[in-house]
N, C-alpha and C. Protein backbone atom coordinates (compact mmCIF):
# COMPACT_ATOMS: atom_id res chain seq x y z
N MET A 1 29.80 33.03 11.28
CA MET A 1 29.23 32.88 9.94
C MET A 1 28.02 33.79 9.79
N ASN A 2 27.85 34.38 8.64
CA ASN A 2 26.74 35.27 8.37
C ASN A 2 25.42 34.56 8.52
N PHE A 3 24.46 35.23 9.19
CA PHE A 3 23.14 34.62 9.44
C PHE A 3 22.45 34.24 8.14
N LYS A 4 22.53 35.08 7.14
CA LYS A 4 21.85 34.80 5.88
C LYS A 4 22.43 33.57 5.18
N ILE A 5 23.75 33.40 5.30
CA ILE A 5 24.39 32.23 4.69
C ILE A 5 23.94 30.96 5.39
N ILE A 6 23.89 30.99 6.73
CA ILE A 6 23.45 29.82 7.50
C ILE A 6 22.02 29.46 7.15
N ALA A 7 21.15 30.46 7.12
CA ALA A 7 19.75 30.21 6.79
C ALA A 7 19.60 29.62 5.41
N ALA A 8 20.40 30.13 4.47
CA ALA A 8 20.34 29.62 3.09
C ALA A 8 20.79 28.18 3.03
N LEU A 9 21.87 27.85 3.78
CA LEU A 9 22.33 26.47 3.83
C LEU A 9 21.28 25.55 4.41
N ALA A 10 20.64 25.98 5.48
CA ALA A 10 19.60 25.17 6.11
C ALA A 10 18.45 24.93 5.15
N ALA A 11 18.02 25.98 4.47
CA ALA A 11 16.91 25.85 3.52
C ALA A 11 17.29 24.90 2.40
N GLY A 12 18.55 24.99 1.95
CA GLY A 12 19.00 24.10 0.88
C GLY A 12 19.00 22.65 1.30
N VAL A 13 19.45 22.38 2.54
CA VAL A 13 19.47 21.01 3.05
C VAL A 13 18.06 20.45 3.13
N LEU A 14 17.13 21.27 3.65
CA LEU A 14 15.77 20.80 3.84
C LEU A 14 15.05 20.57 2.52
N CYS A 15 15.49 21.24 1.47
CA CYS A 15 14.80 21.13 0.18
C CYS A 15 15.52 20.21 -0.79
N ALA A 16 16.66 19.63 -0.38
CA ALA A 16 17.48 18.87 -1.32
C ALA A 16 16.84 17.58 -1.76
N ALA A 17 16.15 16.90 -0.86
CA ALA A 17 15.55 15.61 -1.19
C ALA A 17 14.14 15.81 -1.72
N PRO A 18 13.63 14.81 -2.50
CA PRO A 18 12.27 14.95 -3.02
C PRO A 18 11.24 15.00 -1.91
N ALA A 19 10.16 15.71 -2.14
CA ALA A 19 9.10 15.82 -1.15
C ALA A 19 8.27 14.55 -1.11
N PHE A 20 7.90 14.09 0.06
CA PHE A 20 7.11 12.88 0.21
C PHE A 20 5.76 13.22 0.84
N SER A 21 4.73 12.57 0.35
CA SER A 21 3.41 12.72 0.96
C SER A 21 3.14 11.47 1.77
N ALA A 22 1.98 11.41 2.40
CA ALA A 22 1.64 10.26 3.22
C ALA A 22 1.60 8.99 2.39
N SER A 23 1.12 9.10 1.16
CA SER A 23 1.06 7.94 0.28
C SER A 23 1.32 8.38 -1.15
N VAL A 24 2.01 7.52 -1.88
CA VAL A 24 2.34 7.79 -3.28
C VAL A 24 1.77 6.67 -4.13
N THR A 25 1.10 7.01 -5.22
CA THR A 25 0.56 6.02 -6.14
C THR A 25 1.22 6.20 -7.50
N LEU A 26 1.82 5.14 -8.00
CA LEU A 26 2.47 5.15 -9.31
C LEU A 26 1.54 4.50 -10.32
N ASP A 27 1.11 5.28 -11.33
CA ASP A 27 0.18 4.74 -12.32
C ASP A 27 0.84 4.50 -13.68
N PHE A 28 2.11 4.90 -13.82
CA PHE A 28 2.92 4.63 -15.02
C PHE A 28 2.42 5.34 -16.27
N GLU A 29 1.48 6.26 -16.11
CA GLU A 29 1.00 7.03 -17.25
C GLU A 29 2.14 7.94 -17.75
N GLY A 30 2.37 7.93 -19.04
CA GLY A 30 3.41 8.76 -19.63
C GLY A 30 4.75 8.09 -19.75
N ALA A 31 4.93 6.92 -19.13
CA ALA A 31 6.20 6.19 -19.26
C ALA A 31 6.29 5.56 -20.64
N SER A 32 7.49 5.38 -21.14
CA SER A 32 7.71 4.88 -22.49
C SER A 32 7.44 3.38 -22.57
N SER A 33 6.56 2.98 -23.47
CA SER A 33 6.18 1.57 -23.60
C SER A 33 7.34 0.71 -24.07
N PHE A 34 7.44 -0.48 -23.50
CA PHE A 34 8.50 -1.46 -23.78
C PHE A 34 9.88 -0.95 -23.39
N GLN A 35 9.93 0.05 -22.52
CA GLN A 35 11.20 0.57 -22.02
C GLN A 35 11.25 0.42 -20.51
N SER A 36 12.45 0.28 -19.98
CA SER A 36 12.62 0.21 -18.52
C SER A 36 12.10 1.49 -17.88
N ILE A 37 11.32 1.33 -16.81
CA ILE A 37 10.81 2.49 -16.08
C ILE A 37 11.95 3.25 -15.42
N ASP A 38 12.95 2.54 -14.97
CA ASP A 38 14.22 3.10 -14.50
C ASP A 38 14.00 4.28 -13.55
N ALA A 39 14.45 5.47 -13.94
CA ALA A 39 14.39 6.64 -13.06
C ALA A 39 13.22 7.56 -13.36
N PHE A 40 12.19 7.05 -14.03
CA PHE A 40 11.00 7.85 -14.38
C PHE A 40 10.40 8.52 -13.16
N TYR A 41 10.40 7.82 -12.01
CA TYR A 41 9.85 8.37 -10.77
C TYR A 41 10.95 8.74 -9.77
N ASN A 42 12.14 9.02 -10.29
CA ASN A 42 13.26 9.33 -9.40
C ASN A 42 13.97 10.62 -9.82
N GLY A 43 13.27 11.49 -10.50
CA GLY A 43 13.87 12.74 -10.93
C GLY A 43 14.72 12.62 -12.18
N GLY A 44 14.67 11.44 -12.83
CA GLY A 44 15.43 11.23 -14.06
C GLY A 44 14.51 10.86 -15.20
N VAL A 45 14.99 9.99 -16.08
CA VAL A 45 14.19 9.56 -17.23
C VAL A 45 14.15 8.05 -17.30
N ASP A 46 13.17 7.54 -18.06
CA ASP A 46 13.10 6.10 -18.28
C ASP A 46 13.92 5.73 -19.52
N GLY A 47 13.81 4.46 -19.94
CA GLY A 47 14.60 4.00 -21.07
C GLY A 47 14.28 4.69 -22.39
N GLY A 48 13.14 5.35 -22.44
CA GLY A 48 12.76 6.07 -23.65
C GLY A 48 12.93 7.57 -23.55
N GLY A 49 13.47 8.04 -22.45
CA GLY A 49 13.72 9.47 -22.28
C GLY A 49 12.59 10.25 -21.64
N ALA A 50 11.52 9.58 -21.21
CA ALA A 50 10.41 10.27 -20.57
C ALA A 50 10.66 10.40 -19.07
N SER A 51 10.07 11.44 -18.46
CA SER A 51 10.23 11.64 -17.03
C SER A 51 8.88 11.90 -16.38
N GLY A 52 8.74 11.47 -15.12
CA GLY A 52 7.52 11.68 -14.35
C GLY A 52 7.84 12.46 -13.09
N ALA A 53 6.92 12.42 -12.14
CA ALA A 53 7.13 13.10 -10.87
C ALA A 53 8.25 12.44 -10.09
N ASN A 54 8.99 13.23 -9.33
CA ASN A 54 10.08 12.69 -8.53
C ASN A 54 9.56 12.23 -7.17
N HIS A 55 9.37 10.91 -7.04
CA HIS A 55 8.92 10.33 -5.77
C HIS A 55 10.04 9.58 -5.07
N GLY A 56 11.26 9.68 -5.57
CA GLY A 56 12.37 8.96 -4.96
C GLY A 56 12.27 7.46 -5.17
N VAL A 57 11.68 7.04 -6.30
CA VAL A 57 11.47 5.61 -6.59
C VAL A 57 12.23 5.24 -7.86
N LEU A 58 13.02 4.18 -7.79
CA LEU A 58 13.84 3.73 -8.91
C LEU A 58 13.53 2.26 -9.20
N PHE A 59 13.45 1.90 -10.47
CA PHE A 59 13.11 0.53 -10.85
C PHE A 59 14.30 -0.17 -11.50
N GLY A 60 14.35 -1.50 -11.32
CA GLY A 60 15.35 -2.31 -11.99
C GLY A 60 15.12 -2.37 -13.48
N GLY A 61 16.14 -2.79 -14.22
CA GLY A 61 16.09 -2.77 -15.68
C GLY A 61 15.04 -3.65 -16.31
N ASP A 62 14.57 -4.69 -15.59
CA ASP A 62 13.57 -5.61 -16.15
C ASP A 62 12.14 -5.19 -15.84
N ALA A 63 11.96 -4.04 -15.20
CA ALA A 63 10.62 -3.52 -14.93
C ALA A 63 10.26 -2.55 -16.06
N LEU A 64 9.36 -2.98 -16.95
CA LEU A 64 9.02 -2.19 -18.12
C LEU A 64 7.63 -1.57 -18.01
N ALA A 65 7.47 -0.42 -18.63
CA ALA A 65 6.14 0.14 -18.85
C ALA A 65 5.57 -0.51 -20.11
N LEU A 66 4.27 -0.69 -20.14
CA LEU A 66 3.63 -1.32 -21.29
C LEU A 66 2.36 -0.56 -21.65
N SER A 67 2.25 -0.18 -22.92
CA SER A 67 1.06 0.49 -23.43
C SER A 67 0.54 -0.28 -24.63
N ASN A 68 -0.75 -0.24 -24.85
CA ASN A 68 -1.33 -0.88 -26.03
C ASN A 68 -0.92 -0.12 -27.29
N ASP A 69 -0.74 -0.85 -28.40
CA ASP A 69 -0.39 -0.22 -29.66
C ASP A 69 -1.04 -0.97 -30.81
N GLU A 70 -0.62 -0.67 -32.05
CA GLU A 70 -1.25 -1.27 -33.23
C GLU A 70 -1.01 -2.76 -33.35
N LEU A 71 -0.05 -3.29 -32.64
CA LEU A 71 0.23 -4.72 -32.71
C LEU A 71 -0.74 -5.54 -31.88
N GLY A 72 -1.56 -4.87 -31.12
CA GLY A 72 -2.59 -5.60 -30.38
C GLY A 72 -2.79 -5.08 -28.98
N PRO A 73 -3.91 -5.37 -28.38
CA PRO A 73 -4.07 -5.02 -26.96
C PRO A 73 -3.31 -6.03 -26.10
N TYR A 74 -2.46 -5.52 -25.23
CA TYR A 74 -1.73 -6.37 -24.31
C TYR A 74 -2.47 -6.48 -22.98
N PHE A 75 -3.36 -5.52 -22.73
CA PHE A 75 -4.16 -5.54 -21.52
C PHE A 75 -5.40 -4.68 -21.77
N SER A 76 -6.37 -4.83 -20.90
CA SER A 76 -7.57 -3.99 -20.95
C SER A 76 -8.14 -3.87 -19.54
N ASN A 77 -8.99 -2.87 -19.35
CA ASN A 77 -9.70 -2.66 -18.08
C ASN A 77 -8.79 -2.30 -16.91
N ALA A 78 -7.56 -1.86 -17.19
CA ALA A 78 -6.66 -1.48 -16.10
C ALA A 78 -7.20 -0.23 -15.39
N PRO A 79 -6.91 -0.06 -14.11
CA PRO A 79 -7.41 1.10 -13.37
C PRO A 79 -7.06 2.43 -14.04
N THR A 80 -5.82 2.56 -14.52
CA THR A 80 -5.45 3.70 -15.35
C THR A 80 -5.06 3.12 -16.71
N PRO A 81 -5.79 3.45 -17.77
CA PRO A 81 -5.74 2.67 -19.01
C PRO A 81 -4.52 2.89 -19.90
N GLY A 82 -3.74 3.95 -19.66
CA GLY A 82 -2.67 4.26 -20.60
C GLY A 82 -1.50 3.31 -20.55
N SER A 83 -0.98 3.04 -19.37
CA SER A 83 0.22 2.21 -19.22
C SER A 83 0.15 1.39 -17.93
N ILE A 84 0.84 0.26 -17.95
CA ILE A 84 0.97 -0.58 -16.76
C ILE A 84 2.44 -0.95 -16.58
N LEU A 85 2.73 -1.58 -15.47
CA LEU A 85 4.05 -2.14 -15.20
C LEU A 85 4.02 -3.63 -15.48
N THR A 86 5.06 -4.13 -16.15
CA THR A 86 5.21 -5.57 -16.30
C THR A 86 6.68 -5.93 -16.12
N ALA A 87 6.94 -7.11 -15.60
CA ALA A 87 8.32 -7.55 -15.37
C ALA A 87 8.69 -8.58 -16.43
N VAL A 88 9.89 -8.47 -16.98
CA VAL A 88 10.36 -9.41 -18.00
C VAL A 88 11.58 -10.19 -17.54
N GLY A 89 11.95 -10.03 -16.28
CA GLY A 89 13.09 -10.74 -15.73
C GLY A 89 13.19 -10.49 -14.24
N LEU A 90 14.23 -11.04 -13.63
CA LEU A 90 14.37 -10.95 -12.18
C LEU A 90 14.77 -9.57 -11.68
N ASP A 91 15.39 -8.76 -12.55
CA ASP A 91 15.83 -7.42 -12.14
C ASP A 91 14.67 -6.44 -12.31
N ALA A 92 13.63 -6.61 -11.51
CA ALA A 92 12.42 -5.80 -11.67
C ALA A 92 11.94 -5.25 -10.34
N ALA A 93 12.86 -4.97 -9.45
CA ALA A 93 12.47 -4.44 -8.14
C ALA A 93 12.14 -2.96 -8.23
N MET A 94 11.16 -2.56 -7.44
CA MET A 94 10.86 -1.15 -7.22
C MET A 94 11.57 -0.74 -5.94
N ASN A 95 12.50 0.21 -6.04
CA ASN A 95 13.33 0.60 -4.92
C ASN A 95 12.98 1.99 -4.40
N VAL A 96 12.83 2.10 -3.08
CA VAL A 96 12.61 3.39 -2.42
C VAL A 96 13.74 3.54 -1.42
N ALA A 97 14.74 4.34 -1.78
CA ALA A 97 15.96 4.42 -0.97
C ALA A 97 15.68 4.88 0.45
N SER A 98 14.75 5.82 0.63
CA SER A 98 14.44 6.32 1.97
C SER A 98 13.59 5.35 2.77
N GLY A 99 12.98 4.38 2.07
CA GLY A 99 12.14 3.39 2.72
C GLY A 99 10.67 3.76 2.71
N PHE A 100 9.83 2.76 2.94
CA PHE A 100 8.39 2.96 3.07
C PHE A 100 7.88 2.01 4.14
N SER A 101 6.71 2.29 4.67
CA SER A 101 6.23 1.52 5.82
C SER A 101 4.72 1.41 5.80
N GLY A 102 4.22 0.53 6.68
CA GLY A 102 2.78 0.42 6.91
C GLY A 102 2.07 -0.52 5.98
N THR A 103 1.68 -0.03 4.81
CA THR A 103 0.89 -0.81 3.87
C THR A 103 1.39 -0.55 2.46
N ALA A 104 1.40 -1.59 1.65
CA ALA A 104 1.68 -1.46 0.22
C ALA A 104 0.55 -2.13 -0.54
N SER A 105 0.19 -1.58 -1.68
CA SER A 105 -0.90 -2.17 -2.46
C SER A 105 -0.69 -1.92 -3.94
N PHE A 106 -1.39 -2.69 -4.75
CA PHE A 106 -1.40 -2.49 -6.19
C PHE A 106 -2.57 -3.26 -6.80
N PHE A 107 -2.88 -2.94 -8.04
CA PHE A 107 -3.82 -3.72 -8.82
C PHE A 107 -3.01 -4.65 -9.72
N TYR A 108 -3.51 -5.85 -9.94
CA TYR A 108 -2.76 -6.80 -10.76
C TYR A 108 -3.70 -7.64 -11.62
N SER A 109 -3.14 -8.12 -12.72
CA SER A 109 -3.81 -9.11 -13.56
C SER A 109 -2.76 -10.14 -13.93
N SER A 110 -3.03 -11.41 -13.68
CA SER A 110 -2.00 -12.43 -13.84
C SER A 110 -2.54 -13.68 -14.53
N THR A 111 -1.74 -14.26 -15.39
CA THR A 111 -2.12 -15.49 -16.08
C THR A 111 -1.78 -16.74 -15.27
N ALA A 112 -1.04 -16.58 -14.18
CA ALA A 112 -0.65 -17.72 -13.34
C ALA A 112 -0.54 -17.27 -11.90
N ALA A 113 -0.72 -18.21 -10.98
CA ALA A 113 -0.54 -17.90 -9.56
C ALA A 113 0.93 -17.60 -9.30
N THR A 114 1.18 -16.56 -8.54
CA THR A 114 2.55 -16.16 -8.27
C THR A 114 2.60 -15.33 -6.99
N THR A 115 3.77 -14.87 -6.62
CA THR A 115 3.93 -14.05 -5.42
C THR A 115 4.81 -12.84 -5.74
N VAL A 116 4.67 -11.81 -4.92
CA VAL A 116 5.51 -10.62 -4.99
C VAL A 116 5.91 -10.29 -3.56
N GLY A 117 7.18 -10.06 -3.32
CA GLY A 117 7.67 -9.85 -1.96
C GLY A 117 8.05 -8.41 -1.66
N ILE A 118 7.91 -8.04 -0.38
CA ILE A 118 8.35 -6.75 0.14
C ILE A 118 9.59 -7.00 0.99
N PHE A 119 10.67 -6.26 0.72
CA PHE A 119 11.95 -6.55 1.36
C PHE A 119 12.53 -5.33 2.08
N SER A 120 13.34 -5.62 3.10
CA SER A 120 13.95 -4.54 3.88
C SER A 120 15.10 -3.87 3.15
N GLY A 121 15.70 -4.57 2.19
CA GLY A 121 16.82 -4.01 1.44
C GLY A 121 16.44 -3.66 0.02
N LEU A 122 17.32 -2.98 -0.67
CA LEU A 122 17.09 -2.62 -2.05
C LEU A 122 17.21 -3.85 -2.95
N ASN A 123 16.53 -3.83 -4.08
CA ASN A 123 16.62 -4.88 -5.09
C ASN A 123 16.22 -6.26 -4.56
N GLY A 124 15.24 -6.28 -3.68
CA GLY A 124 14.74 -7.56 -3.18
C GLY A 124 15.70 -8.29 -2.27
N THR A 125 16.50 -7.55 -1.53
CA THR A 125 17.46 -8.16 -0.61
C THR A 125 17.03 -7.89 0.84
N GLY A 126 17.75 -8.50 1.77
CA GLY A 126 17.45 -8.30 3.19
C GLY A 126 16.31 -9.19 3.65
N ASP A 127 15.61 -8.76 4.65
CA ASP A 127 14.53 -9.55 5.24
C ASP A 127 13.25 -9.42 4.41
N LEU A 128 12.53 -10.53 4.30
CA LEU A 128 11.22 -10.52 3.66
C LEU A 128 10.20 -10.03 4.69
N LEU A 129 9.61 -8.87 4.43
CA LEU A 129 8.69 -8.25 5.40
C LEU A 129 7.23 -8.56 5.11
N GLY A 130 6.92 -8.93 3.89
CA GLY A 130 5.54 -9.22 3.53
C GLY A 130 5.47 -9.84 2.16
N THR A 131 4.39 -10.58 1.89
CA THR A 131 4.24 -11.27 0.61
C THR A 131 2.84 -11.07 0.05
N PHE A 132 2.76 -10.64 -1.20
CA PHE A 132 1.51 -10.62 -1.94
C PHE A 132 1.32 -12.00 -2.57
N THR A 133 0.20 -12.64 -2.30
CA THR A 133 -0.12 -13.91 -2.94
C THR A 133 -1.14 -13.63 -4.03
N LEU A 134 -0.72 -13.81 -5.28
CA LEU A 134 -1.55 -13.44 -6.42
C LEU A 134 -2.15 -14.66 -7.09
N LEU A 135 -3.42 -14.59 -7.39
CA LEU A 135 -4.12 -15.67 -8.07
C LEU A 135 -4.04 -15.48 -9.58
N ALA A 136 -4.27 -16.57 -10.31
CA ALA A 136 -4.40 -16.48 -11.76
C ALA A 136 -5.80 -15.92 -12.05
N ASN A 137 -5.87 -14.63 -12.35
CA ASN A 137 -7.17 -13.97 -12.44
C ASN A 137 -7.42 -13.27 -13.77
N SER A 138 -6.47 -13.36 -14.70
CA SER A 138 -6.49 -12.48 -15.87
C SER A 138 -7.72 -12.63 -16.74
N GLY A 139 -8.36 -13.82 -16.74
CA GLY A 139 -9.50 -14.04 -17.61
C GLY A 139 -10.83 -14.15 -16.88
N ASN A 140 -10.86 -13.73 -15.63
CA ASN A 140 -12.09 -13.87 -14.84
C ASN A 140 -13.21 -12.99 -15.40
N GLY A 141 -14.17 -13.61 -16.08
CA GLY A 141 -15.34 -12.88 -16.56
C GLY A 141 -15.07 -11.98 -17.74
N CYS A 142 -13.95 -12.14 -18.43
CA CYS A 142 -13.65 -11.29 -19.58
C CYS A 142 -12.84 -12.08 -20.59
N VAL A 143 -12.69 -11.51 -21.77
CA VAL A 143 -11.95 -12.17 -22.85
C VAL A 143 -10.81 -11.25 -23.27
N GLY A 144 -9.62 -11.80 -23.33
CA GLY A 144 -8.47 -11.02 -23.76
C GLY A 144 -7.34 -11.12 -22.77
N PRO A 145 -6.15 -10.66 -23.16
CA PRO A 145 -4.99 -10.74 -22.26
C PRO A 145 -5.09 -9.73 -21.12
N LEU A 146 -4.81 -10.19 -19.93
CA LEU A 146 -4.79 -9.32 -18.75
C LEU A 146 -5.99 -8.37 -18.74
N CYS A 147 -7.17 -8.95 -18.73
CA CYS A 147 -8.38 -8.13 -18.84
C CYS A 147 -9.16 -8.00 -17.53
N HIS A 148 -8.79 -8.75 -16.50
CA HIS A 148 -9.45 -8.64 -15.20
C HIS A 148 -8.41 -8.23 -14.17
N TRP A 149 -8.76 -7.23 -13.32
CA TRP A 149 -7.81 -6.69 -12.36
C TRP A 149 -8.38 -6.76 -10.94
N ASP A 150 -7.54 -7.19 -10.02
CA ASP A 150 -7.89 -7.21 -8.60
C ASP A 150 -6.89 -6.38 -7.83
N GLN A 151 -7.32 -5.85 -6.69
CA GLN A 151 -6.40 -5.12 -5.83
C GLN A 151 -5.84 -6.04 -4.77
N ALA A 152 -4.54 -5.94 -4.54
CA ALA A 152 -3.87 -6.70 -3.49
C ALA A 152 -3.22 -5.72 -2.53
N SER A 153 -3.30 -6.00 -1.24
CA SER A 153 -2.75 -5.11 -0.23
C SER A 153 -2.10 -5.93 0.88
N VAL A 154 -0.98 -5.45 1.38
CA VAL A 154 -0.26 -6.14 2.46
C VAL A 154 0.14 -5.13 3.53
N ASP A 155 -0.20 -5.42 4.78
CA ASP A 155 0.28 -4.66 5.92
C ASP A 155 1.55 -5.33 6.43
N PHE A 156 2.55 -4.55 6.77
CA PHE A 156 3.80 -5.13 7.24
C PHE A 156 4.41 -4.24 8.31
N THR A 157 5.29 -4.80 9.09
CA THR A 157 6.00 -4.04 10.11
C THR A 157 7.45 -3.86 9.69
N GLY A 158 8.06 -2.80 10.16
CA GLY A 158 9.44 -2.53 9.79
C GLY A 158 9.53 -1.56 8.63
N LEU A 159 10.75 -1.24 8.27
CA LEU A 159 11.01 -0.32 7.17
C LEU A 159 11.40 -1.11 5.93
N ALA A 160 10.61 -0.99 4.87
CA ALA A 160 10.89 -1.67 3.61
C ALA A 160 11.59 -0.73 2.65
N ARG A 161 12.38 -1.30 1.74
CA ARG A 161 13.03 -0.48 0.73
C ARG A 161 12.82 -0.99 -0.70
N SER A 162 12.15 -2.14 -0.84
CA SER A 162 11.89 -2.60 -2.21
C SER A 162 10.71 -3.55 -2.27
N ILE A 163 10.09 -3.58 -3.45
CA ILE A 163 9.09 -4.59 -3.81
C ILE A 163 9.64 -5.31 -5.03
N GLN A 164 9.75 -6.63 -4.95
CA GLN A 164 10.36 -7.40 -6.03
C GLN A 164 9.28 -7.97 -6.96
N PHE A 165 9.11 -7.30 -8.10
CA PHE A 165 8.14 -7.76 -9.09
C PHE A 165 8.72 -8.83 -10.01
N GLY A 166 10.02 -9.07 -9.92
CA GLY A 166 10.66 -10.04 -10.79
C GLY A 166 10.16 -11.46 -10.61
N SER A 167 9.62 -11.77 -9.43
CA SER A 167 9.09 -13.11 -9.18
C SER A 167 7.84 -13.38 -10.01
N ALA A 168 7.23 -12.31 -10.55
CA ALA A 168 6.03 -12.45 -11.39
C ALA A 168 6.35 -12.14 -12.85
N ALA A 169 7.61 -12.31 -13.23
CA ALA A 169 8.03 -11.98 -14.59
C ALA A 169 7.27 -12.79 -15.63
N ASN A 170 6.83 -12.11 -16.66
CA ASN A 170 6.19 -12.70 -17.84
C ASN A 170 4.83 -13.34 -17.59
N VAL A 171 4.24 -13.10 -16.43
CA VAL A 171 2.89 -13.63 -16.18
C VAL A 171 1.89 -12.58 -15.71
N ALA A 172 2.37 -11.42 -15.25
CA ALA A 172 1.45 -10.47 -14.62
C ALA A 172 1.71 -9.04 -15.06
N GLY A 173 0.67 -8.22 -14.94
CA GLY A 173 0.77 -6.79 -15.12
C GLY A 173 0.33 -6.11 -13.83
N PHE A 174 0.84 -4.90 -13.58
CA PHE A 174 0.56 -4.18 -12.34
C PHE A 174 0.22 -2.73 -12.65
N ASP A 175 -0.65 -2.17 -11.83
CA ASP A 175 -1.04 -0.78 -12.01
C ASP A 175 -1.33 -0.16 -10.64
N ASN A 176 -1.22 1.16 -10.57
CA ASN A 176 -1.54 1.91 -9.36
C ASN A 176 -0.86 1.31 -8.12
N VAL A 177 0.45 1.24 -8.18
CA VAL A 177 1.24 0.74 -7.04
C VAL A 177 1.32 1.85 -6.00
N SER A 178 0.88 1.57 -4.77
CA SER A 178 0.83 2.58 -3.71
C SER A 178 1.69 2.17 -2.53
N VAL A 179 2.53 3.10 -2.07
CA VAL A 179 3.33 2.91 -0.86
C VAL A 179 3.31 4.21 -0.07
N ALA A 180 3.74 4.13 1.18
CA ALA A 180 3.82 5.31 2.04
C ALA A 180 5.29 5.54 2.40
N PRO A 181 6.00 6.36 1.61
CA PRO A 181 7.41 6.62 1.91
C PRO A 181 7.56 7.28 3.27
N VAL A 182 8.68 6.98 3.92
CA VAL A 182 8.95 7.61 5.21
C VAL A 182 9.24 9.08 4.98
N PRO A 183 9.13 9.91 6.05
CA PRO A 183 9.49 11.33 5.90
C PRO A 183 10.95 11.48 5.52
N LEU A 184 11.35 12.71 5.24
CA LEU A 184 12.75 12.96 4.92
C LEU A 184 13.65 12.38 6.00
N PRO A 185 14.80 11.84 5.60
CA PRO A 185 15.69 11.19 6.58
C PRO A 185 15.94 12.08 7.79
N ALA A 186 15.90 11.45 8.95
CA ALA A 186 16.06 12.20 10.19
C ALA A 186 17.36 12.99 10.22
N ALA A 187 18.38 12.45 9.60
CA ALA A 187 19.68 13.15 9.61
C ALA A 187 19.57 14.50 8.91
N ILE A 188 18.82 14.55 7.84
CA ILE A 188 18.67 15.81 7.11
C ILE A 188 17.96 16.83 7.99
N TRP A 189 16.85 16.38 8.63
CA TRP A 189 16.11 17.30 9.49
C TRP A 189 16.97 17.77 10.66
N LEU A 190 17.74 16.84 11.25
CA LEU A 190 18.59 17.23 12.37
C LEU A 190 19.64 18.23 11.94
N LEU A 191 20.24 18.00 10.77
CA LEU A 191 21.24 18.93 10.28
C LEU A 191 20.63 20.29 10.02
N GLY A 192 19.46 20.28 9.40
CA GLY A 192 18.78 21.53 9.12
C GLY A 192 18.44 22.28 10.39
N SER A 193 17.94 21.54 11.39
CA SER A 193 17.59 22.17 12.67
C SER A 193 18.83 22.73 13.36
N SER A 194 19.94 21.99 13.25
CA SER A 194 21.18 22.46 13.88
C SER A 194 21.65 23.75 13.24
N LEU A 195 21.58 23.80 11.92
CA LEU A 195 22.01 25.01 11.22
C LEU A 195 21.14 26.20 11.60
N LEU A 196 19.83 25.96 11.70
CA LEU A 196 18.93 27.04 12.10
C LEU A 196 19.20 27.47 13.53
N GLY A 197 19.52 26.49 14.39
CA GLY A 197 19.85 26.82 15.77
C GLY A 197 21.11 27.67 15.87
N LEU A 198 22.13 27.29 15.09
CA LEU A 198 23.36 28.08 15.07
C LEU A 198 23.09 29.49 14.57
N ALA A 199 22.21 29.57 13.59
CA ALA A 199 21.86 30.88 13.05
C ALA A 199 21.21 31.75 14.13
N GLY A 200 20.34 31.12 14.94
CA GLY A 200 19.68 31.87 16.01
C GLY A 200 20.66 32.36 17.04
N ILE A 201 21.63 31.50 17.41
CA ILE A 201 22.65 31.88 18.39
C ILE A 201 23.47 33.05 17.86
N ARG A 202 23.87 32.90 16.59
CA ARG A 202 24.67 33.94 15.97
C ARG A 202 23.93 35.27 15.94
N ARG A 203 22.62 35.19 15.67
CA ARG A 203 21.82 36.41 15.60
C ARG A 203 21.72 37.09 16.97
N ARG A 204 21.54 36.25 18.04
CA ARG A 204 21.44 36.82 19.39
C ARG A 204 22.75 37.49 19.80
N LYS A 205 23.87 36.86 19.44
CA LYS A 205 25.17 37.43 19.82
C LYS A 205 25.42 38.75 19.12
N SER A 206 24.91 38.86 17.89
CA SER A 206 25.14 40.09 17.15
C SER A 206 24.14 41.18 17.53
């Protein structure tokens, strides 16, 4: 096989998946209000046709972006003021197909005590790896809906693939969700390395 073709294939394999940094923070700025966040952070669009950075993160249909409008303030004092995440049903998991590990965190404001779980499988399935215990804090020292925000953080072991926000449906808002996605899948790197190795052998023989 031609060396240039092999090198091109290897480069294509290595660049096919979205790039991951040590930590990714989702602030939901620019997402369509009252629409499913959906593929906004997965190289696609949300329910309103808007798109954000591709972090390889996909949301369930009940995970909506929410922005204030003329009908009233739905929240205030959020870390990033434009938009937040809110869940309106059980299908509100944040899914990272490649997985994430170490620590997950977010800011929240809630009208009732509730929990949010970190799971080994997509859509809140598999093993429960960690639990955020959230207090009813929305009115602490302020007046208005979802006006006080606290940061919650959980350290966990193992590889997680989802955070299930559906357990906090209709009581909480979330902002600046941070996770540490794993590097590109090992299989991709191995395939890329193999192709480059074959290219080197081919070049030496020629």
